[in-house]
Amino acid sequence: MRILHNTTIDFLKYRKVAYGISIALIVVGLVSLLFKGLNYGIDFRGGSEVVVRFEKDIDVSRVRSVLKEAGVSGTLKQYGMDRSFLLSTVFSGETNELKTLIDNAVRDRMPDNAHEIVRIESVGPTIASDLKWAAFKALLAALAAILLYVGIRFEFKFATAGVIAIFHDVLIVLGLFSILGGIFSFMPLEMDQSIIAAFLTVAGYSITDTVVVYDRIRERIRGRKPSEYEAIINQSLNQTLSRTIITSGTTLLTVLVLFIFAGPAIRGFAFAVFAGILIGTYSSVFVAAPLVYDWLRVTKSTVKLRGGSAS
């Protein structure tokens, strides 16, 4: 199945423009991370999560106002499709004390709408710190495994460029979470363990797309002169372009449906995967392969790829 036939786009010609766009996006994200930070979920900051279900339909702003009047601050969002709401709060008291406070506040201010506290969970500061460190180690381990795999299958230049492209993808998505976090009530974009899972998914998807391009380059570049590398890399990118668009496009459509219809509880995860795949597709074409070409051009070295067939 192909949607583009015999394209002759000079991707390498536009690599410096792509580098500029990537650097600008990363810098903006890092500035936001430095001054604004991230909107952490209770997994990484500690606190409590409470799911409250009402008997009748009620607006989220009304529930938020009632809880605020009772002295319970935090993030409130609709949870699922059955008049349930998820409250994330940093509460210094005991779990039973928080439950009693919410029960009394809702019962006194909305006596005509019965409610039920479906679930209440708390994470202490020490556990939150441990979870944050464990998530960081998981990301580092994944990147190290990818570097080792691509290094063995191809060579160090290709592996390093692939990992740089993954860092590029994760940093831009992380920057988006910092910039957009807390702005939209329907999508708080909290940084929690599900988002770490999304980052690992993005890393795996991005390197898979990159390896397909690398495989096509390996097919054509073995035994060629350095003067031919630019044409070969451009040809390889054009030959894999149809596959890249079809694979990424179908995945993006699936994640978009998940983002729209799966509800607020999973919306942050879906947004991270959607943005990551979109940026990862771009980086496979405009970052990973061009970085390999520039490395070869600057060092005036030749490619000594290991054996193998294209995927």
C-alpha atoms as a PDB file:
ATOM      1  CA  MET A   1       0.000   0.000   0.000  1.00  0.00           C
ATOM      2  CA  ARG A   2       1.481   3.322  -1.090  1.00  0.00           C
ATOM      3  CA  ILE A   3       0.073   6.827  -1.052  1.00  0.00           C
ATOM      4  CA  LEU A   4       3.137   8.558  -2.486  1.00  0.00           C
ATOM      5  CA  HIS A   5       4.996   7.264  -5.526  1.00  0.00           C
ATOM      6  CA  ASN A   6       8.489   8.167  -6.684  1.00  0.00           C
ATOM      7  CA  THR A   7       8.919  11.294  -4.582  1.00  0.00           C
ATOM      8  CA  THR A   8      12.189  13.197  -4.979  1.00  0.00           C
ATOM      9  CA  ILE A   9      12.099  15.552  -1.993  1.00  0.00           C
ATOM     10  CA  ASP A  10      15.496  16.919  -1.001  1.00  0.00           C
ATOM     11  CA  PHE A  11      15.119  16.420   2.740  1.00  0.00           C
ATOM     12  CA  LEU A  12      18.749  17.151   3.548  1.00  0.00           C
ATOM     13  CA  LYS A  13      18.464  20.528   1.856  1.00  0.00           C
ATOM     14  CA  TYR A  14      16.041  21.638   4.580  1.00  0.00           C
ATOM     15  CA  ARG A  15      17.841  20.032   7.523  1.00  0.00           C
ATOM     16  CA  LYS A  16      19.188  23.340   8.901  1.00  0.00           C
ATOM     17  CA  VAL A  17      15.701  24.823   8.894  1.00  0.00           C
ATOM     18  CA  ALA A  18      14.477  21.709  10.710  1.00  0.00           C
ATOM     19  CA  TYR A  19      17.333  21.993  13.224  1.00  0.00           C
ATOM     20  CA  GLY A  20      16.330  25.613  13.861  1.00  0.00           C
ATOM     21  CA  ILE A  21      12.678  24.688  14.433  1.00  0.00           C
ATOM     22  CA  SER A  22      13.668  21.854  16.772  1.00  0.00           C
ATOM     23  CA  ILE A  23      16.057  24.009  18.778  1.00  0.00           C
ATOM     24  CA  ALA A  24      13.428  26.767  19.104  1.00  0.00           C
ATOM     25  CA  LEU A  25      10.790  24.298  20.365  1.00  0.00           C
ATOM     26  CA  ILE A  26      13.228  22.748  22.847  1.00  0.00           C
ATOM     27  CA  VAL A  27      14.409  26.135  24.155  1.00  0.00           C
ATOM     28  CA  VAL A  28      10.836  27.393  24.644  1.00  0.00           C
ATOM     29  CA  GLY A  29       9.970  24.173  26.482  1.00  0.00           C
ATOM     30  CA  LEU A  30      13.070  24.352  28.698  1.00  0.00           C
ATOM     31  CA  VAL A  31      12.348  27.986  29.582  1.00  0.00           C
ATOM     32  CA  SER A  32       8.810  26.993  30.574  1.00  0.00           C
ATOM     33  CA  LEU A  33      10.155  24.066  32.617  1.00  0.00           C
ATOM     34  CA  LEU A  34      12.606  26.402  34.371  1.00  0.00           C
ATOM     35  CA  PHE A  35      10.136  29.153  35.266  1.00  0.00           C
ATOM     36  CA  LYS A  36       6.767  27.372  35.352  1.00  0.00           C
ATOM     37  CA  GLY A  37       7.680  23.760  36.012  1.00  0.00           C
ATOM     38  CA  LEU A  38       5.360  20.784  35.584  1.00  0.00           C
ATOM     39  CA  ASN A  39       1.865  20.134  36.849  1.00  0.00           C
ATOM     40  CA  TYR A  40       2.662  16.962  38.822  1.00  0.00           C
ATOM     41  CA  GLY A  41       0.000  14.417  39.694  1.00  0.00           C
ATOM     42  CA  ILE A  42      -0.122  12.858  43.150  1.00  0.00           C
ATOM     43  CA  ASP A  43       2.180  10.063  41.940  1.00  0.00           C
ATOM     44  CA  PHE A  44       5.088  12.511  41.884  1.00  0.00           C
ATOM     45  CA  ARG A  45       4.129  15.256  44.360  1.00  0.00           C
ATOM     46  CA  GLY A  46       2.204  13.338  46.976  1.00  0.00           C
ATOM     47  CA  GLY A  47      -1.371  14.028  48.035  1.00  0.00           C
ATOM     48  CA  SER A  48      -4.778  12.435  47.698  1.00  0.00           C
ATOM     49  CA  GLU A  49      -7.146  11.501  44.889  1.00  0.00           C
ATOM     50  CA  VAL A  50     -10.864  11.247  45.564  1.00  0.00           C
ATOM     51  CA  VAL A  51     -13.543  10.015  43.156  1.00  0.00           C
ATOM     52  CA  VAL A  52     -17.011  11.391  43.990  1.00  0.00           C
ATOM     53  CA  ARG A  53     -20.113  10.171  42.161  1.00  0.00           C
ATOM     54  CA  PHE A  54     -23.410  12.087  42.184  1.00  0.00           C
ATOM     55  CA  GLU A  55     -26.930  10.774  41.700  1.00  0.00           C
ATOM     56  CA  LYS A  56     -28.000  13.643  39.413  1.00  0.00           C
ATOM     57  CA  ASP A  57     -26.204  15.607  36.704  1.00  0.00           C
ATOM     58  CA  ILE A  58     -24.170  18.501  38.033  1.00  0.00           C
ATOM     59  CA  ASP A  59     -21.731  21.000  36.578  1.00  0.00           C
ATOM     60  CA  VAL A  60     -18.060  20.614  37.488  1.00  0.00           C
ATOM     61  CA  SER A  61     -17.804  24.314  38.373  1.00  0.00           C
ATOM     62  CA  ARG A  62     -20.528  23.862  41.024  1.00  0.00           C
ATOM     63  CA  VAL A  63     -18.668  20.967  42.641  1.00  0.00           C
ATOM     64  CA  ARG A  64     -15.410  22.905  42.509  1.00  0.00           C
ATOM     65  CA  SER A  65     -17.041  25.906  44.205  1.00  0.00           C
ATOM     66  CA  VAL A  66     -18.497  23.757  46.987  1.00  0.00           C
ATOM     67  CA  LEU A  67     -15.160  22.083  47.731  1.00  0.00           C
ATOM     68  CA  LYS A  68     -13.320  25.410  47.652  1.00  0.00           C
ATOM     69  CA  GLU A  69     -15.767  26.882  50.178  1.00  0.00           C
ATOM     70  CA  ALA A  70     -15.074  23.902  52.430  1.00  0.00           C
ATOM     71  CA  GLY A  71     -11.317  24.540  52.246  1.00  0.00           C
ATOM     72  CA  VAL A  72     -10.467  21.668  49.910  1.00  0.00           C
ATOM     73  CA  SER A  73      -8.248  22.995  47.122  1.00  0.00           C
ATOM     74  CA  GLY A  74      -6.857  21.083  44.184  1.00  0.00           C
ATOM     75  CA  THR A  75      -7.630  19.964  40.643  1.00  0.00           C
ATOM     76  CA  LEU A  76     -11.141  18.737  39.852  1.00  0.00           C
ATOM     77  CA  LYS A  77     -12.134  17.106  36.575  1.00  0.00           C
ATOM     78  CA  GLN A  78     -14.911  14.906  35.278  1.00  0.00           C
ATOM     79  CA  TYR A  79     -14.112  11.218  35.639  1.00  0.00           C
ATOM     80  CA  GLY A  80     -15.744   8.868  33.185  1.00  0.00           C
ATOM     81  CA  MET A  81     -19.291   9.304  31.885  1.00  0.00           C
ATOM     82  CA  ASP A  82     -21.442   8.597  34.993  1.00  0.00           C
ATOM     83  CA  ARG A  83     -21.557  11.922  36.884  1.00  0.00           C
ATOM     84  CA  SER A  84     -18.285  11.156  38.664  1.00  0.00           C
ATOM     85  CA  PHE A  85     -15.511  13.646  39.426  1.00  0.00           C
ATOM     86  CA  LEU A  86     -11.851  13.159  40.267  1.00  0.00           C
ATOM     87  CA  LEU A  87     -10.323  15.471  42.864  1.00  0.00           C
ATOM     88  CA  SER A  88      -6.517  15.689  43.193  1.00  0.00           C
ATOM     89  CA  THR A  89      -5.483  17.590  46.294  1.00  0.00           C
ATOM     90  CA  VAL A  90      -2.516  18.079  48.601  1.00  0.00           C
ATOM     91  CA  PHE A  91      -4.212  17.502  51.957  1.00  0.00           C
ATOM     92  CA  SER A  92      -2.127  17.462  55.112  1.00  0.00           C
ATOM     93  CA  GLY A  93      -4.634  15.555  57.242  1.00  0.00           C
ATOM     94  CA  GLU A  94      -5.593  11.896  57.439  1.00  0.00           C
ATOM     95  CA  THR A  95      -7.565  10.132  54.695  1.00  0.00           C
ATOM     96  CA  ASN A  96     -10.625   9.705  56.939  1.00  0.00           C
ATOM     97  CA  GLU A  97     -10.501  13.390  57.827  1.00  0.00           C
ATOM     98  CA  LEU A  98     -10.511  14.351  54.128  1.00  0.00           C
ATOM     99  CA  LYS A  99     -13.398  11.958  53.443  1.00  0.00           C
ATOM    100  CA  THR A 100     -15.438  13.440  56.288  1.00  0.00           C
ATOM    101  CA  LEU A 101     -14.703  17.003  55.152  1.00  0.00           C
ATOM    102  CA  ILE A 102     -15.864  16.296  51.571  1.00  0.00           C
ATOM    103  CA  ASP A 103     -18.934  14.351  52.750  1.00  0.00           C
ATOM    104  CA  ASN A 104     -20.071  17.159  55.047  1.00  0.00           C
ATOM    105  CA  ALA A 105     -19.396  19.901  52.499  1.00  0.00           C
ATOM    106  CA  VAL A 106     -21.333  18.207  49.689  1.00  0.00           C
ATOM    107  CA  ARG A 107     -24.197  17.074  51.955  1.00  0.00           C
ATOM    108  CA  ASP A 108     -24.672  20.524  53.506  1.00  0.00           C
ATOM    109  CA  ARG A 109     -24.424  22.559  50.288  1.00  0.00           C
ATOM    110  CA  MET A 110     -26.146  20.132  47.879  1.00  0.00           C
ATOM    111  CA  PRO A 111     -28.699  18.220  49.956  1.00  0.00           C
ATOM    112  CA  ASP A 112     -30.899  17.545  46.916  1.00  0.00           C
ATOM    113  CA  ASN A 113     -28.184  15.582  45.071  1.00  0.00           C
ATOM    114  CA  ALA A 114     -27.025  12.408  46.815  1.00  0.00           C
ATOM    115  CA  HIS A 115     -23.358  11.519  46.442  1.00  0.00           C
ATOM    116  CA  GLU A 116     -20.968   8.661  47.103  1.00  0.00           C
ATOM    117  CA  ILE A 117     -17.204   8.673  47.594  1.00  0.00           C
ATOM    118  CA  VAL A 118     -16.232   5.795  45.335  1.00  0.00           C
ATOM    119  CA  ARG A 119     -12.503   5.803  45.912  1.00  0.00           C
ATOM    120  CA  ILE A 120      -9.913   7.687  47.927  1.00  0.00           C
ATOM    121  CA  GLU A 121      -6.157   7.148  47.586  1.00  0.00           C
ATOM    122  CA  SER A 122      -3.207   8.897  49.204  1.00  0.00           C
ATOM    123  CA  VAL A 123       0.494   8.991  48.339  1.00  0.00           C
ATOM    124  CA  GLY A 124       3.016  10.245  50.886  1.00  0.00           C
ATOM    125  CA  PRO A 125       5.871  12.611  49.941  1.00  0.00           C
ATOM    126  CA  THR A 126       8.533   9.899  50.395  1.00  0.00           C
ATOM    127  CA  ILE A 127       6.721   7.433  48.149  1.00  0.00           C
ATOM    128  CA  ALA A 128       6.135  10.185  45.562  1.00  0.00           C
ATOM    129  CA  SER A 129       9.864  10.970  45.521  1.00  0.00           C
ATOM    130  CA  ASP A 130      10.682   7.265  45.079  1.00  0.00           C
ATOM    131  CA  LEU A 131       8.198   6.970  42.205  1.00  0.00           C
ATOM    132  CA  LYS A 132       9.685  10.025  40.486  1.00  0.00           C
ATOM    133  CA  TRP A 133      13.212   8.590  40.740  1.00  0.00           C
ATOM    134  CA  ALA A 134      12.012   5.170  39.522  1.00  0.00           C
ATOM    135  CA  ALA A 135      10.377   6.808  36.493  1.00  0.00           C
ATOM    136  CA  PHE A 136      13.579   8.684  35.692  1.00  0.00           C
ATOM    137  CA  LYS A 137      15.604   5.461  35.898  1.00  0.00           C
ATOM    138  CA  ALA A 138      13.106   3.693  33.635  1.00  0.00           C
ATOM    139  CA  LEU A 139      13.562   6.362  30.958  1.00  0.00           C
ATOM    140  CA  LEU A 140      17.367   6.208  31.221  1.00  0.00           C
ATOM    141  CA  ALA A 141      17.332   2.403  31.045  1.00  0.00           C
ATOM    142  CA  ALA A 142      15.128   2.503  27.933  1.00  0.00           C
ATOM    143  CA  LEU A 143      17.429   4.994  26.196  1.00  0.00           C
ATOM    144  CA  ALA A 144      20.521   2.957  27.133  1.00  0.00           C
ATOM    145  CA  ALA A 145      18.904  -0.225  25.756  1.00  0.00           C
ATOM    146  CA  ILE A 146      17.992   1.558  22.518  1.00  0.00           C
ATOM    147  CA  LEU A 147      21.534   2.935  22.183  1.00  0.00           C
ATOM    148  CA  LEU A 148      22.967  -0.568  22.668  1.00  0.00           C
ATOM    149  CA  TYR A 149      20.520  -2.195  20.234  1.00  0.00           C
ATOM    150  CA  VAL A 150      21.001   0.313  17.412  1.00  0.00           C
ATOM    151  CA  GLY A 151      24.752   0.396  18.061  1.00  0.00           C
ATOM    152  CA  ILE A 152      24.976  -3.369  17.641  1.00  0.00           C
ATOM    153  CA  ARG A 153      22.690  -3.492  14.620  1.00  0.00           C
ATOM    154  CA  PHE A 154      24.222  -0.517  12.793  1.00  0.00           C
ATOM    155  CA  GLU A 155      27.084   1.527  14.250  1.00  0.00           C
ATOM    156  CA  PHE A 156      27.705   4.149  16.921  1.00  0.00           C
ATOM    157  CA  LYS A 157      26.954   7.185  14.735  1.00  0.00           C
ATOM    158  CA  PHE A 158      23.521   5.840  13.833  1.00  0.00           C
ATOM    159  CA  ALA A 159      22.762   4.822  17.428  1.00  0.00           C
ATOM    160  CA  THR A 160      23.755   8.203  18.860  1.00  0.00           C
ATOM    161  CA  ALA A 161      21.708  10.100  16.273  1.00  0.00           C
ATOM    162  CA  GLY A 162      18.705   7.886  17.040  1.00  0.00           C
ATOM    163  CA  VAL A 163      18.943   8.509  20.801  1.00  0.00           C
ATOM    164  CA  ILE A 164      19.385  12.266  20.216  1.00  0.00           C
ATOM    165  CA  ALA A 165      16.187  12.170  18.145  1.00  0.00           C
ATOM    166  CA  ILE A 166      14.383  10.434  21.026  1.00  0.00           C
ATOM    167  CA  PHE A 167      15.655  13.037  23.501  1.00  0.00           C
ATOM    168  CA  HIS A 168      14.416  15.656  21.028  1.00  0.00           C
ATOM    169  CA  ASP A 169      10.918  14.081  20.997  1.00  0.00           C
ATOM    170  CA  VAL A 170      10.653  13.664  24.777  1.00  0.00           C
ATOM    171  CA  LEU A 171      11.947  17.174  25.553  1.00  0.00           C
ATOM    172  CA  ILE A 172       9.449  18.809  23.185  1.00  0.00           C
ATOM    173  CA  VAL A 173       6.511  16.837  24.618  1.00  0.00           C
ATOM    174  CA  LEU A 174       7.731  17.599  28.146  1.00  0.00           C
ATOM    175  CA  GLY A 175       7.861  21.278  27.205  1.00  0.00           C
ATOM    176  CA  LEU A 176       4.277  21.091  25.924  1.00  0.00           C
ATOM    177  CA  PHE A 177       3.185  19.607  29.250  1.00  0.00           C
ATOM    178  CA  SER A 178       4.849  22.505  31.064  1.00  0.00           C
ATOM    179  CA  ILE A 179       3.395  25.179  28.749  1.00  0.00           C
ATOM    180  CA  LEU A 180      -0.141  23.744  28.623  1.00  0.00           C
ATOM    181  CA  GLY A 181      -0.298  22.162  32.086  1.00  0.00           C
ATOM    182  CA  GLY A 182      -3.168  23.571  34.140  1.00  0.00           C
ATOM    183  CA  ILE A 183      -4.422  25.866  31.360  1.00  0.00           C
ATOM    184  CA  PHE A 184      -7.386  23.770  30.205  1.00  0.00           C
ATOM    185  CA  SER A 185      -9.799  22.371  32.779  1.00  0.00           C
ATOM    186  CA  PHE A 186     -10.796  19.514  30.445  1.00  0.00           C
ATOM    187  CA  MET A 187      -7.113  18.557  30.047  1.00  0.00           C
ATOM    188  CA  PRO A 188      -4.986  19.417  33.125  1.00  0.00           C
ATOM    189  CA  LEU A 189      -1.958  17.560  31.658  1.00  0.00           C
ATOM    190  CA  GLU A 190      -0.631  16.284  34.957  1.00  0.00           C
ATOM    191  CA  MET A 191       2.728  14.530  34.982  1.00  0.00           C
ATOM    192  CA  ASP A 192       2.137  11.094  36.473  1.00  0.00           C
ATOM    193  CA  GLN A 193       3.124   7.473  35.875  1.00  0.00           C
ATOM    194  CA  SER A 194       0.818   7.142  32.865  1.00  0.00           C
ATOM    195  CA  ILE A 195       2.736   9.948  31.138  1.00  0.00           C
ATOM    196  CA  ILE A 196       6.022   8.120  31.778  1.00  0.00           C
ATOM    197  CA  ALA A 197       4.426   5.110  30.077  1.00  0.00           C
ATOM    198  CA  ALA A 198       3.509   7.424  27.192  1.00  0.00           C
ATOM    199  CA  PHE A 199       7.128   8.633  26.930  1.00  0.00           C
ATOM    200  CA  LEU A 200       8.379   5.046  26.781  1.00  0.00           C
ATOM    201  CA  THR A 201       5.782   4.307  24.089  1.00  0.00           C
ATOM    202  CA  VAL A 202       6.934   7.355  22.120  1.00  0.00           C
ATOM    203  CA  ALA A 203      10.593   6.322  22.477  1.00  0.00           C
ATOM    204  CA  GLY A 204       9.851   2.834  21.150  1.00  0.00           C
ATOM    205  CA  TYR A 205       7.713   4.119  18.289  1.00  0.00           C
ATOM    206  CA  SER A 206      10.241   6.778  17.317  1.00  0.00           C
ATOM    207  CA  ILE A 207      13.216   4.417  17.196  1.00  0.00           C
ATOM    208  CA  THR A 208      11.187   1.849  15.231  1.00  0.00           C
ATOM    209  CA  ASP A 209      10.431   4.462  12.577  1.00  0.00           C
ATOM    210  CA  THR A 210      14.067   5.566  12.588  1.00  0.00           C
ATOM    211  CA  VAL A 211      15.378   1.996  12.240  1.00  0.00           C
ATOM    212  CA  VAL A 212      13.242   1.498   9.118  1.00  0.00           C
ATOM    213  CA  VAL A 213      14.952   4.523   7.551  1.00  0.00           C
ATOM    214  CA  TYR A 214      18.369   3.272   8.733  1.00  0.00           C
ATOM    215  CA  ASP A 215      17.694  -0.151   7.194  1.00  0.00           C
ATOM    216  CA  ARG A 216      16.958   1.393   3.822  1.00  0.00           C
ATOM    217  CA  ILE A 217      20.118   3.495   4.056  1.00  0.00           C
ATOM    218  CA  ARG A 218      22.117   0.362   4.904  1.00  0.00           C
ATOM    219  CA  GLU A 219      20.731  -1.430   1.848  1.00  0.00           C
ATOM    220  CA  ARG A 220      21.985   1.269  -0.469  1.00  0.00           C
ATOM    221  CA  ILE A 221      25.049   2.797   1.159  1.00  0.00           C
ATOM    222  CA  ARG A 222      27.316  -0.211   1.663  1.00  0.00           C
ATOM    223  CA  GLY A 223      30.422   0.084  -0.498  1.00  0.00           C
ATOM    224  CA  ARG A 224      29.516   3.553  -1.829  1.00  0.00           C
ATOM    225  CA  LYS A 225      31.762   6.612  -1.830  1.00  0.00           C
ATOM    226  CA  PRO A 226      31.228   9.444   0.724  1.00  0.00           C
ATOM    227  CA  SER A 227      30.380  11.780  -2.165  1.00  0.00           C
ATOM    228  CA  GLU A 228      27.274   9.658  -2.806  1.00  0.00           C
ATOM    229  CA  TYR A 229      25.988   9.659   0.788  1.00  0.00           C
ATOM    230  CA  GLU A 230      23.751  12.728   0.407  1.00  0.00           C
ATOM    231  CA  ALA A 231      21.902  11.305  -2.594  1.00  0.00           C
ATOM    232  CA  ILE A 232      21.575   7.867  -0.960  1.00  0.00           C
ATOM    233  CA  ILE A 233      20.143   9.241   2.296  1.00  0.00           C
ATOM    234  CA  ASN A 234      17.672  11.427   0.389  1.00  0.00           C
ATOM    235  CA  GLN A 235      16.599   8.463  -1.748  1.00  0.00           C
ATOM    236  CA  SER A 236      16.176   6.286   1.348  1.00  0.00           C
ATOM    237  CA  LEU A 237      14.015   8.921   3.064  1.00  0.00           C
ATOM    238  CA  ASN A 238      11.827   9.230  -0.034  1.00  0.00           C
ATOM    239  CA  GLN A 239      11.473   5.461  -0.389  1.00  0.00           C
ATOM    240  CA  THR A 240      10.303   5.062   3.230  1.00  0.00           C
ATOM    241  CA  LEU A 241       8.115   8.192   3.215  1.00  0.00           C
ATOM    242  CA  SER A 242       4.925   6.378   2.201  1.00  0.00           C
ATOM    243  CA  ARG A 243       5.369   3.747   4.899  1.00  0.00           C
ATOM    244  CA  THR A 244       6.101   6.458   7.486  1.00  0.00           C
ATOM    245  CA  ILE A 245       2.981   8.475   6.634  1.00  0.00           C
ATOM    246  CA  ILE A 246       0.666   5.435   6.553  1.00  0.00           C
ATOM    247  CA  THR A 247       1.951   3.954   9.822  1.00  0.00           C
ATOM    248  CA  SER A 248       2.044   7.228  11.724  1.00  0.00           C
ATOM    249  CA  GLY A 249      -1.245   8.446  10.248  1.00  0.00           C
ATOM    250  CA  THR A 250      -3.244   5.376  11.241  1.00  0.00           C
ATOM    251  CA  THR A 251      -1.743   5.403  14.745  1.00  0.00           C
ATOM    252  CA  LEU A 252      -2.457   9.121  15.150  1.00  0.00           C
ATOM    253  CA  LEU A 253      -6.096   8.597  14.127  1.00  0.00           C
ATOM    254  CA  THR A 254      -6.465   5.865  16.757  1.00  0.00           C
ATOM    255  CA  VAL A 255      -4.907   8.008  19.493  1.00  0.00           C
ATOM    256  CA  LEU A 256      -7.037  11.000  18.431  1.00  0.00           C
ATOM    257  CA  VAL A 257     -10.198   8.935  18.887  1.00  0.00           C
ATOM    258  CA  LEU A 258      -8.887   7.874  22.313  1.00  0.00           C
ATOM    259  CA  PHE A 259      -8.211  11.522  23.192  1.00  0.00           C
ATOM    260  CA  ILE A 260     -11.714  12.664  22.201  1.00  0.00           C
ATOM    261  CA  PHE A 261     -13.879   9.797  23.489  1.00  0.00           C
ATOM    262  CA  ALA A 262     -11.974   7.975  26.255  1.00  0.00           C
ATOM    263  CA  GLY A 263     -12.661  10.636  28.891  1.00  0.00           C
ATOM    264  CA  PRO A 264     -10.561  12.985  31.045  1.00  0.00           C
ATOM    265  CA  ALA A 265      -8.884  10.204  33.030  1.00  0.00           C
ATOM    266  CA  ILE A 266      -6.819   9.087  30.023  1.00  0.00           C
ATOM    267  CA  ARG A 267      -6.735  12.339  28.040  1.00  0.00           C
ATOM    268  CA  GLY A 268      -3.250  13.342  29.234  1.00  0.00           C
ATOM    269  CA  PHE A 269      -1.805   9.974  28.193  1.00  0.00           C
ATOM    270  CA  ALA A 270      -3.490  10.194  24.780  1.00  0.00           C
ATOM    271  CA  PHE A 271      -2.204  13.743  24.266  1.00  0.00           C
ATOM    272  CA  ALA A 272       1.371  12.697  25.142  1.00  0.00           C
ATOM    273  CA  VAL A 273       1.282   9.756  22.720  1.00  0.00           C
ATOM    274  CA  PHE A 274      -0.329  11.844  19.948  1.00  0.00           C
ATOM    275  CA  ALA A 275       2.191  14.689  20.267  1.00  0.00           C
ATOM    276  CA  GLY A 276       5.089  12.247  20.676  1.00  0.00           C
ATOM    277  CA  ILE A 277       4.261  10.208  17.575  1.00  0.00           C
ATOM    278  CA  LEU A 278       3.729  13.375  15.525  1.00  0.00           C
ATOM    279  CA  ILE A 279       7.073  14.830  16.636  1.00  0.00           C
ATOM    280  CA  GLY A 280       8.784  11.432  16.431  1.00  0.00           C
ATOM    281  CA  THR A 281       7.728  11.024  12.800  1.00  0.00           C
ATOM    282  CA  TYR A 282       9.152  14.457  12.044  1.00  0.00           C
ATOM    283  CA  SER A 283      12.412  13.678  13.873  1.00  0.00           C
ATOM    284  CA  SER A 284      12.909  10.370  12.026  1.00  0.00           C
ATOM    285  CA  VAL A 285      12.943  12.265   8.744  1.00  0.00           C
ATOM    286  CA  PHE A 286      14.421  15.651   9.646  1.00  0.00           C
ATOM    287  CA  VAL A 287      16.628  14.935  12.685  1.00  0.00           C
ATOM    288  CA  ALA A 288      17.965  11.361  12.957  1.00  0.00           C
ATOM    289  CA  ALA A 289      19.074  10.719   9.350  1.00  0.00           C
ATOM    290  CA  PRO A 290      20.320  14.316   8.742  1.00  0.00           C
ATOM    291  CA  LEU A 291      22.407  14.129  11.952  1.00  0.00           C
ATOM    292  CA  VAL A 292      24.091  10.976  10.647  1.00  0.00           C
ATOM    293  CA  TYR A 293      24.813  12.733   7.343  1.00  0.00           C
ATOM    294  CA  ASP A 294      26.277  15.813   9.043  1.00  0.00           C
ATOM    295  CA  TRP A 295      28.404  13.629  11.329  1.00  0.00           C
ATOM    296  CA  LEU A 296      29.807  11.750   8.342  1.00  0.00           C
ATOM    297  CA  ARG A 297      30.349  14.979   6.411  1.00  0.00           C
ATOM    298  CA  VAL A 298      32.138  16.819   9.231  1.00  0.00           C
ATOM    299  CA  THR A 299      34.344  13.875  10.275  1.00  0.00           C
ATOM    300  CA  LYS A 300      34.925  12.846   6.628  1.00  0.00           C
ATOM    301  CA  SER A 301      34.444   9.226   7.669  1.00  0.00           C
ATOM    302  CA  THR A 302      32.901   6.308   5.806  1.00  0.00           C
ATOM    303  CA  VAL A 303      30.030   4.085   6.826  1.00  0.00           C
ATOM    304  CA  LYS A 304      30.912   0.583   7.979  1.00  0.00           C
ATOM    305  CA  LEU A 305      27.521  -0.921   8.613  1.00  0.00           C
ATOM    306  CA  ARG A 306      27.050  -4.430   9.922  1.00  0.00           C
ATOM    307  CA  GLY A 307      25.257  -6.986   7.791  1.00  0.00           C
ATOM    308  CA  GLY A 308      21.506  -7.375   7.695  1.00  0.00           C
ATOM    309  CA  SER A 309      18.456  -6.999   5.507  1.00  0.00           C
ATOM    310  CA  ALA A 310      15.907  -4.246   5.438  1.00  0.00           C
ATOM    311  CA  SER A 311      12.767  -4.539   7.524  1.00  0.00           C
END
